[in-house]
Amino acid sequence: MAASPEILTAIRELANLKQIERTELHEMLQDGIHAALAKKHGPTVQAEVEIAEDRGEIKIVLLKSVVESVEIRRARLRSRRRATRTRNTRSAT
């Protein structure tokens, strides 16, 4: 991501205008970004938000879990259910 002097200027101006510390403003911006991500991706979204004011950058990384294919998982579940039914049928007789 290219550095943006506009971000740096906006953060400084907003901190001065609202008379708050930059670190507090960073926390508020991070909270706002997390809220927007939760609205878009759901409340369980996990993300890392880094504000590098010195470089004029905001970095957002969505954290996701890698799982096996849904079809493979469904096939395994069906197989387990059949095995359980077979065991239950045998033990009932």
C-alpha atoms as a PDB file:
ATOM      1  CA  MET A   1       0.000   0.000   0.000  1.00  0.00           C
ATOM      2  CA  ALA A   2       1.389   3.385  -0.915  1.00  0.00           C
ATOM      3  CA  ALA A   3       1.908   5.865   1.888  1.00  0.00           C
ATOM      4  CA  SER A   4      -0.678   8.601   2.018  1.00  0.00           C
ATOM      5  CA  PRO A   5       0.260  11.999   3.415  1.00  0.00           C
ATOM      6  CA  GLU A   6      -3.485  12.752   3.563  1.00  0.00           C
ATOM      7  CA  ILE A   7      -3.948  10.095   6.268  1.00  0.00           C
ATOM      8  CA  LEU A   8      -1.136  11.574   8.332  1.00  0.00           C
ATOM      9  CA  THR A   9      -2.536  15.082   7.963  1.00  0.00           C
ATOM     10  CA  ALA A  10      -6.099  13.967   8.737  1.00  0.00           C
ATOM     11  CA  ILE A  11      -5.029  12.153  11.927  1.00  0.00           C
ATOM     12  CA  ARG A  12      -3.059  15.169  13.144  1.00  0.00           C
ATOM     13  CA  GLU A  13      -5.862  17.604  12.346  1.00  0.00           C
ATOM     14  CA  LEU A  14      -8.519  15.438  13.958  1.00  0.00           C
ATOM     15  CA  ALA A  15      -6.435  14.940  17.108  1.00  0.00           C
ATOM     16  CA  ASN A  16      -5.865  18.701  17.376  1.00  0.00           C
ATOM     17  CA  LEU A  17      -9.473  19.580  16.598  1.00  0.00           C
ATOM     18  CA  LYS A  18     -10.926  17.162  19.163  1.00  0.00           C
ATOM     19  CA  GLN A  19      -8.052  17.806  21.620  1.00  0.00           C
ATOM     20  CA  ILE A  20      -7.279  14.120  22.134  1.00  0.00           C
ATOM     21  CA  GLU A  21      -4.029  12.194  22.154  1.00  0.00           C
ATOM     22  CA  ARG A  22      -3.059  10.503  18.909  1.00  0.00           C
ATOM     23  CA  THR A  23      -2.833   7.118  20.615  1.00  0.00           C
ATOM     24  CA  GLU A  24      -6.435   7.509  21.794  1.00  0.00           C
ATOM     25  CA  LEU A  25      -7.460   8.506  18.278  1.00  0.00           C
ATOM     26  CA  HIS A  26      -5.674   5.429  16.887  1.00  0.00           C
ATOM     27  CA  GLU A  27      -7.635   3.225  19.304  1.00  0.00           C
ATOM     28  CA  MET A  28     -10.902   4.877  18.254  1.00  0.00           C
ATOM     29  CA  LEU A  29     -10.065   4.401  14.567  1.00  0.00           C
ATOM     30  CA  GLN A  30      -9.161   0.743  15.177  1.00  0.00           C
ATOM     31  CA  ASP A  31     -12.440   0.189  17.057  1.00  0.00           C
ATOM     32  CA  GLY A  32     -14.367   1.807  14.204  1.00  0.00           C
ATOM     33  CA  ILE A  33     -12.619  -0.342  11.616  1.00  0.00           C
ATOM     34  CA  HIS A  34     -13.323  -3.490  13.676  1.00  0.00           C
ATOM     35  CA  ALA A  35     -17.003  -2.474  13.939  1.00  0.00           C
ATOM     36  CA  ALA A  36     -17.218  -1.979  10.166  1.00  0.00           C
ATOM     37  CA  LEU A  37     -15.560  -5.347   9.544  1.00  0.00           C
ATOM     38  CA  ALA A  38     -17.977  -7.043  11.979  1.00  0.00           C
ATOM     39  CA  LYS A  39     -20.909  -5.487  10.142  1.00  0.00           C
ATOM     40  CA  LYS A  40     -19.621  -6.720   6.792  1.00  0.00           C
ATOM     41  CA  HIS A  41     -18.165 -10.118   7.797  1.00  0.00           C
ATOM     42  CA  GLY A  42     -20.138 -10.988  10.943  1.00  0.00           C
ATOM     43  CA  PRO A  43     -19.518 -10.535  14.669  1.00  0.00           C
ATOM     44  CA  THR A  44     -16.903 -13.287  14.886  1.00  0.00           C
ATOM     45  CA  VAL A  45     -14.560 -11.643  12.382  1.00  0.00           C
ATOM     46  CA  GLN A  46     -10.958 -11.547  13.497  1.00  0.00           C
ATOM     47  CA  ALA A  47      -8.669  -8.867  12.155  1.00  0.00           C
ATOM     48  CA  GLU A  48      -5.465  -7.056  12.904  1.00  0.00           C
ATOM     49  CA  VAL A  49      -5.572  -3.309  12.345  1.00  0.00           C
ATOM     50  CA  GLU A  50      -2.311  -1.389  12.345  1.00  0.00           C
ATOM     51  CA  ILE A  51      -2.133   2.376  11.996  1.00  0.00           C
ATOM     52  CA  ALA A  52       1.324   3.563  11.001  1.00  0.00           C
ATOM     53  CA  GLU A  53       0.921   7.296  11.239  1.00  0.00           C
ATOM     54  CA  ASP A  54       4.590   7.918  10.484  1.00  0.00           C
ATOM     55  CA  ARG A  55       4.162   6.189   7.103  1.00  0.00           C
ATOM     56  CA  GLY A  56       0.582   7.380   6.525  1.00  0.00           C
ATOM     57  CA  GLU A  57      -0.689   3.797   6.306  1.00  0.00           C
ATOM     58  CA  ILE A  58      -3.538   1.791   7.727  1.00  0.00           C
ATOM     59  CA  LYS A  59      -3.007  -1.954   7.411  1.00  0.00           C
ATOM     60  CA  ILE A  60      -5.920  -4.366   7.845  1.00  0.00           C
ATOM     61  CA  VAL A  61      -5.377  -8.120   7.885  1.00  0.00           C
ATOM     62  CA  LEU A  62      -8.375 -10.441   8.089  1.00  0.00           C
ATOM     63  CA  LEU A  63      -7.554 -13.629   9.985  1.00  0.00           C
ATOM     64  CA  LYS A  64      -9.258 -16.717   8.633  1.00  0.00           C
ATOM     65  CA  SER A  65      -9.191 -20.412   9.451  1.00  0.00           C
ATOM     66  CA  VAL A  66      -8.337 -22.892   6.766  1.00  0.00           C
ATOM     67  CA  VAL A  67     -10.577 -25.961   6.850  1.00  0.00           C
ATOM     68  CA  GLU A  68     -10.837 -29.020   4.697  1.00  0.00           C
ATOM     69  CA  SER A  69     -13.267 -28.960   1.810  1.00  0.00           C
ATOM     70  CA  VAL A  70     -16.940 -28.860   2.765  1.00  0.00           C
ATOM     71  CA  GLU A  71     -17.651 -31.840   0.510  1.00  0.00           C
ATOM     72  CA  ILE A  72     -14.913 -33.937   2.122  1.00  0.00           C
ATOM     73  CA  ARG A  73     -16.177 -32.999   5.576  1.00  0.00           C
ATOM     74  CA  ARG A  74     -19.783 -33.919   4.652  1.00  0.00           C
ATOM     75  CA  ALA A  75     -18.674 -37.263   3.241  1.00  0.00           C
ATOM     76  CA  ARG A  76     -16.768 -38.057   6.436  1.00  0.00           C
ATOM     77  CA  LEU A  77     -19.756 -37.107   8.585  1.00  0.00           C
ATOM     78  CA  ARG A  78     -22.075 -39.317   6.494  1.00  0.00           C
ATOM     79  CA  SER A  79     -19.611 -42.177   6.839  1.00  0.00           C
ATOM     80  CA  ARG A  80     -19.439 -41.751  10.611  1.00  0.00           C
ATOM     81  CA  ARG A  81     -23.232 -41.640  10.878  1.00  0.00           C
ATOM     82  CA  ARG A  82     -23.543 -44.875   8.888  1.00  0.00           C
ATOM     83  CA  ALA A  83     -20.916 -46.541  11.078  1.00  0.00           C
ATOM     84  CA  THR A  84     -22.735 -45.407  14.225  1.00  0.00           C
ATOM     85  CA  ARG A  85     -26.087 -46.663  12.908  1.00  0.00           C
ATOM     86  CA  THR A  86     -24.520 -50.003  12.001  1.00  0.00           C
ATOM     87  CA  ARG A  87     -23.004 -50.372  15.470  1.00  0.00           C
ATOM     88  CA  ASN A  88     -26.293 -49.412  17.144  1.00  0.00           C
ATOM     89  CA  THR A  89     -28.240 -51.888  14.980  1.00  0.00           C
ATOM     90  CA  ARG A  90     -25.835 -54.721  15.794  1.00  0.00           C
ATOM     91  CA  SER A  91     -25.861 -54.042  19.528  1.00  0.00           C
ATOM     92  CA  ALA A  92     -29.683 -53.915  19.593  1.00  0.00           C
ATOM     93  CA  THR A  93     -29.956 -57.461  18.203  1.00  0.00           C
END
